[in-house]
Amino acid sequence: MAEKFDNLEEHLEKFIENIRQLGIIVSDFQPSSQTVLNQKLNFMISGLQDIEKCRQQLHEINVPLEVFEYIDQGRNPQLYTKECLERALARNEQVKGKIDTMTKFKSLLISELSKVFPEEMVKYRAIHGEDAPS
């Protein structure tokens, strides 16, 4: 898989360099440079075709749209991963806290219900297979 990425990166670098050279030729265009311009345009077309071939090899790669938004904003796309992990950890801690609270509440509720309704709670434990509250 890394080889496919390296191949795409190489083609992109060549394409960018060709576009840069094309920009230089166009910015100072002389009629005598028409042949070179045509050659660079043909290189650009073949470069796009090479990139398309690489794209087909990497079609199973999905990139979240938010990553492109980070790039458009001039931010490091690796920050997206970091922030996603931080949000997931924070959410995980919240959920764990809720689970712990509900577990304690259930234990306390069963304990108190056992005091008020001992016979019904014996039936409840028999049905649910729960031990005495801890």
C-alpha atoms as a PDB file:
ATOM      1  CA  MET A   1       0.000   0.000   0.000  1.00  0.00           C
ATOM      2  CA  ALA A   2       2.853   2.396   0.815  1.00  0.00           C
ATOM      3  CA  GLU A   3       4.238   1.825  -2.671  1.00  0.00           C
ATOM      4  CA  LYS A   4       0.949   3.039  -4.181  1.00  0.00           C
ATOM      5  CA  PHE A   5       1.098   6.213  -2.091  1.00  0.00           C
ATOM      6  CA  ASP A   6       4.732   6.771  -3.029  1.00  0.00           C
ATOM      7  CA  ASN A   7       3.846   6.338  -6.685  1.00  0.00           C
ATOM      8  CA  LEU A   8       0.982   8.853  -6.393  1.00  0.00           C
ATOM      9  CA  GLU A   9       3.215  11.298  -4.535  1.00  0.00           C
ATOM     10  CA  GLU A  10       5.864  11.042  -7.252  1.00  0.00           C
ATOM     11  CA  HIS A  11       3.302  11.701  -9.992  1.00  0.00           C
ATOM     12  CA  LEU A  12       1.851  14.651  -8.079  1.00  0.00           C
ATOM     13  CA  GLU A  13       5.294  16.183  -7.581  1.00  0.00           C
ATOM     14  CA  LYS A  14       6.055  15.843 -11.296  1.00  0.00           C
ATOM     15  CA  PHE A  15       2.680  17.336 -12.157  1.00  0.00           C
ATOM     16  CA  ILE A  16       3.184  20.299  -9.826  1.00  0.00           C
ATOM     17  CA  GLU A  17       6.635  20.951 -11.234  1.00  0.00           C
ATOM     18  CA  ASN A  18       5.248  20.789 -14.778  1.00  0.00           C
ATOM     19  CA  ILE A  19       2.490  23.270 -13.850  1.00  0.00           C
ATOM     20  CA  ARG A  20       5.083  25.597 -12.299  1.00  0.00           C
ATOM     21  CA  GLN A  21       7.162  25.501 -15.486  1.00  0.00           C
ATOM     22  CA  LEU A  22       4.016  25.998 -17.565  1.00  0.00           C
ATOM     23  CA  GLY A  23       3.203  29.100 -15.525  1.00  0.00           C
ATOM     24  CA  ILE A  24       6.667  30.514 -16.182  1.00  0.00           C
ATOM     25  CA  ILE A  25       6.331  29.915 -19.920  1.00  0.00           C
ATOM     26  CA  VAL A  26       2.864  31.469 -20.062  1.00  0.00           C
ATOM     27  CA  SER A  27       3.796  34.494 -17.960  1.00  0.00           C
ATOM     28  CA  ASP A  28       6.592  35.402 -20.376  1.00  0.00           C
ATOM     29  CA  PHE A  29       5.093  33.994 -23.548  1.00  0.00           C
ATOM     30  CA  GLN A  30       6.967  34.501 -26.790  1.00  0.00           C
ATOM     31  CA  PRO A  31       5.721  33.146 -30.112  1.00  0.00           C
ATOM     32  CA  SER A  32       8.971  31.200 -30.361  1.00  0.00           C
ATOM     33  CA  SER A  33       8.079  29.284 -27.187  1.00  0.00           C
ATOM     34  CA  GLN A  34       4.858  27.855 -28.647  1.00  0.00           C
ATOM     35  CA  THR A  35       6.449  24.434 -29.197  1.00  0.00           C
ATOM     36  CA  VAL A  36       7.658  24.266 -25.600  1.00  0.00           C
ATOM     37  CA  LEU A  37       4.221  25.399 -24.405  1.00  0.00           C
ATOM     38  CA  ASN A  38       2.525  22.657 -26.435  1.00  0.00           C
ATOM     39  CA  GLN A  39       4.990  20.117 -25.063  1.00  0.00           C
ATOM     40  CA  LYS A  40       4.303  21.202 -21.469  1.00  0.00           C
ATOM     41  CA  LEU A  41       0.539  21.046 -22.089  1.00  0.00           C
ATOM     42  CA  ASN A  42       0.943  17.493 -23.391  1.00  0.00           C
ATOM     43  CA  PHE A  43       3.033  16.623 -20.310  1.00  0.00           C
ATOM     44  CA  MET A  44       0.261  18.089 -18.174  1.00  0.00           C
ATOM     45  CA  ILE A  45      -2.333  15.899 -19.893  1.00  0.00           C
ATOM     46  CA  SER A  46      -0.214  12.759 -19.524  1.00  0.00           C
ATOM     47  CA  GLY A  47       0.447  13.726 -15.887  1.00  0.00           C
ATOM     48  CA  LEU A  48      -3.289  13.920 -15.224  1.00  0.00           C
ATOM     49  CA  GLN A  49      -3.719  10.525 -16.847  1.00  0.00           C
ATOM     50  CA  ASP A  50      -0.981   9.072 -14.610  1.00  0.00           C
ATOM     51  CA  ILE A  51      -2.654  10.567 -11.534  1.00  0.00           C
ATOM     52  CA  GLU A  52      -5.978   9.072 -12.646  1.00  0.00           C
ATOM     53  CA  LYS A  53      -4.343   5.628 -12.881  1.00  0.00           C
ATOM     54  CA  CYS A  54      -2.990   6.039  -9.355  1.00  0.00           C
ATOM     55  CA  ARG A  55      -6.402   7.154  -8.136  1.00  0.00           C
ATOM     56  CA  GLN A  56      -7.963   3.956  -9.442  1.00  0.00           C
ATOM     57  CA  GLN A  57      -5.463   1.925  -7.409  1.00  0.00           C
ATOM     58  CA  LEU A  58      -6.415   3.833  -4.252  1.00  0.00           C
ATOM     59  CA  HIS A  59     -10.204   3.857  -4.697  1.00  0.00           C
ATOM     60  CA  GLU A  60     -10.809   2.071  -1.373  1.00  0.00           C
ATOM     61  CA  ILE A  61      -9.303   4.956   0.619  1.00  0.00           C
ATOM     62  CA  ASN A  62     -11.919   7.218   2.226  1.00  0.00           C
ATOM     63  CA  VAL A  63     -10.932  10.591   3.604  1.00  0.00           C
ATOM     64  CA  PRO A  64     -13.398  12.476   5.825  1.00  0.00           C
ATOM     65  CA  LEU A  65     -14.516  15.784   4.317  1.00  0.00           C
ATOM     66  CA  GLU A  66     -13.461  17.527   7.512  1.00  0.00           C
ATOM     67  CA  VAL A  67      -9.827  16.768   6.642  1.00  0.00           C
ATOM     68  CA  PHE A  68     -10.206  18.776   3.435  1.00  0.00           C
ATOM     69  CA  GLU A  69     -11.793  21.590   5.437  1.00  0.00           C
ATOM     70  CA  TYR A  70      -8.721  21.585   7.707  1.00  0.00           C
ATOM     71  CA  ILE A  71      -6.467  21.802   4.668  1.00  0.00           C
ATOM     72  CA  ASP A  72      -8.580  24.603   3.147  1.00  0.00           C
ATOM     73  CA  GLN A  73      -8.256  26.517   6.417  1.00  0.00           C
ATOM     74  CA  GLY A  74      -4.477  26.118   6.308  1.00  0.00           C
ATOM     75  CA  ARG A  75      -4.463  23.742   9.276  1.00  0.00           C
ATOM     76  CA  ASN A  76      -2.465  20.545   9.613  1.00  0.00           C
ATOM     77  CA  PRO A  77      -4.704  17.594   8.660  1.00  0.00           C
ATOM     78  CA  GLN A  78      -3.060  15.489  11.381  1.00  0.00           C
ATOM     79  CA  LEU A  79      -4.750  17.799  13.889  1.00  0.00           C
ATOM     80  CA  TYR A  80      -8.064  16.361  12.706  1.00  0.00           C
ATOM     81  CA  THR A  81      -7.047  12.901  13.913  1.00  0.00           C
ATOM     82  CA  LYS A  82      -5.752  14.279  17.191  1.00  0.00           C
ATOM     83  CA  GLU A  83      -8.923  16.267  17.845  1.00  0.00           C
ATOM     84  CA  CYS A  84     -11.133  13.286  16.927  1.00  0.00           C
ATOM     85  CA  LEU A  85      -9.283  11.118  19.421  1.00  0.00           C
ATOM     86  CA  GLU A  86      -9.534  13.791  22.107  1.00  0.00           C
ATOM     87  CA  ARG A  87     -13.298  14.134  21.504  1.00  0.00           C
ATOM     88  CA  ALA A  88     -13.701  10.351  21.597  1.00  0.00           C
ATOM     89  CA  LEU A  89     -11.775  10.105  24.876  1.00  0.00           C
ATOM     90  CA  ALA A  90     -13.817  12.906  26.444  1.00  0.00           C
ATOM     91  CA  ARG A  91     -17.081  11.302  25.295  1.00  0.00           C
ATOM     92  CA  ASN A  92     -15.862   7.917  26.548  1.00  0.00           C
ATOM     93  CA  GLU A  93     -15.200   9.393  29.984  1.00  0.00           C
ATOM     94  CA  GLN A  94     -18.674  10.953  30.051  1.00  0.00           C
ATOM     95  CA  VAL A  95     -20.333   7.669  29.120  1.00  0.00           C
ATOM     96  CA  LYS A  96     -18.224   5.740  31.622  1.00  0.00           C
ATOM     97  CA  GLY A  97     -19.273   8.197  34.318  1.00  0.00           C
ATOM     98  CA  LYS A  98     -22.934   7.726  33.398  1.00  0.00           C
ATOM     99  CA  ILE A  99     -22.562   3.951  33.435  1.00  0.00           C
ATOM    100  CA  ASP A 100     -20.878   4.043  36.845  1.00  0.00           C
ATOM    101  CA  THR A 101     -23.604   6.315  38.189  1.00  0.00           C
ATOM    102  CA  MET A 102     -26.376   4.099  36.824  1.00  0.00           C
ATOM    103  CA  THR A 103     -24.693   0.982  38.258  1.00  0.00           C
ATOM    104  CA  LYS A 104     -24.490   2.595  41.685  1.00  0.00           C
ATOM    105  CA  PHE A 105     -28.082   3.796  41.394  1.00  0.00           C
ATOM    106  CA  LYS A 106     -29.289   0.288  40.444  1.00  0.00           C
ATOM    107  CA  SER A 107     -27.452  -1.235  43.360  1.00  0.00           C
ATOM    108  CA  LEU A 108     -28.872   1.338  45.783  1.00  0.00           C
ATOM    109  CA  LEU A 109     -32.382   0.986  44.322  1.00  0.00           C
ATOM    110  CA  ILE A 110     -32.315  -2.805  44.654  1.00  0.00           C
ATOM    111  CA  SER A 111     -31.041  -2.482  48.198  1.00  0.00           C
ATOM    112  CA  GLU A 112     -33.781  -0.035  49.178  1.00  0.00           C
ATOM    113  CA  LEU A 113     -36.488  -1.990  47.339  1.00  0.00           C
ATOM    114  CA  SER A 114     -35.351  -5.144  49.141  1.00  0.00           C
ATOM    115  CA  LYS A 115     -36.014  -3.405  52.439  1.00  0.00           C
ATOM    116  CA  VAL A 116     -39.480  -2.213  51.434  1.00  0.00           C
ATOM    117  CA  PHE A 117     -40.585  -5.127  49.210  1.00  0.00           C
ATOM    118  CA  PRO A 118     -38.525  -8.144  50.301  1.00  0.00           C
ATOM    119  CA  GLU A 119     -40.781 -10.833  48.782  1.00  0.00           C
ATOM    120  CA  GLU A 120     -41.080  -9.117  45.410  1.00  0.00           C
ATOM    121  CA  MET A 121     -37.328  -8.569  45.268  1.00  0.00           C
ATOM    122  CA  VAL A 122     -36.706 -12.279  45.884  1.00  0.00           C
ATOM    123  CA  LYS A 123     -38.905 -12.993  42.851  1.00  0.00           C
ATOM    124  CA  TYR A 124     -37.107 -10.280  40.891  1.00  0.00           C
ATOM    125  CA  ARG A 125     -33.714 -11.800  41.683  1.00  0.00           C
ATOM    126  CA  ALA A 126     -34.991 -15.255  40.760  1.00  0.00           C
ATOM    127  CA  ILE A 127     -36.180 -13.995  37.374  1.00  0.00           C
ATOM    128  CA  HIS A 128     -33.109 -11.887  36.616  1.00  0.00           C
ATOM    129  CA  GLY A 129     -30.590 -14.191  38.262  1.00  0.00           C
ATOM    130  CA  GLU A 130     -29.026 -11.428  40.295  1.00  0.00           C
ATOM    131  CA  ASP A 131     -27.209 -11.892  43.559  1.00  0.00           C
ATOM    132  CA  ALA A 132     -27.869  -9.866  46.638  1.00  0.00           C
ATOM    133  CA  PRO A 133     -26.922  -6.211  46.218  1.00  0.00           C
ATOM    134  CA  SER A 134     -23.350  -5.365  47.015  1.00  0.00           C
END
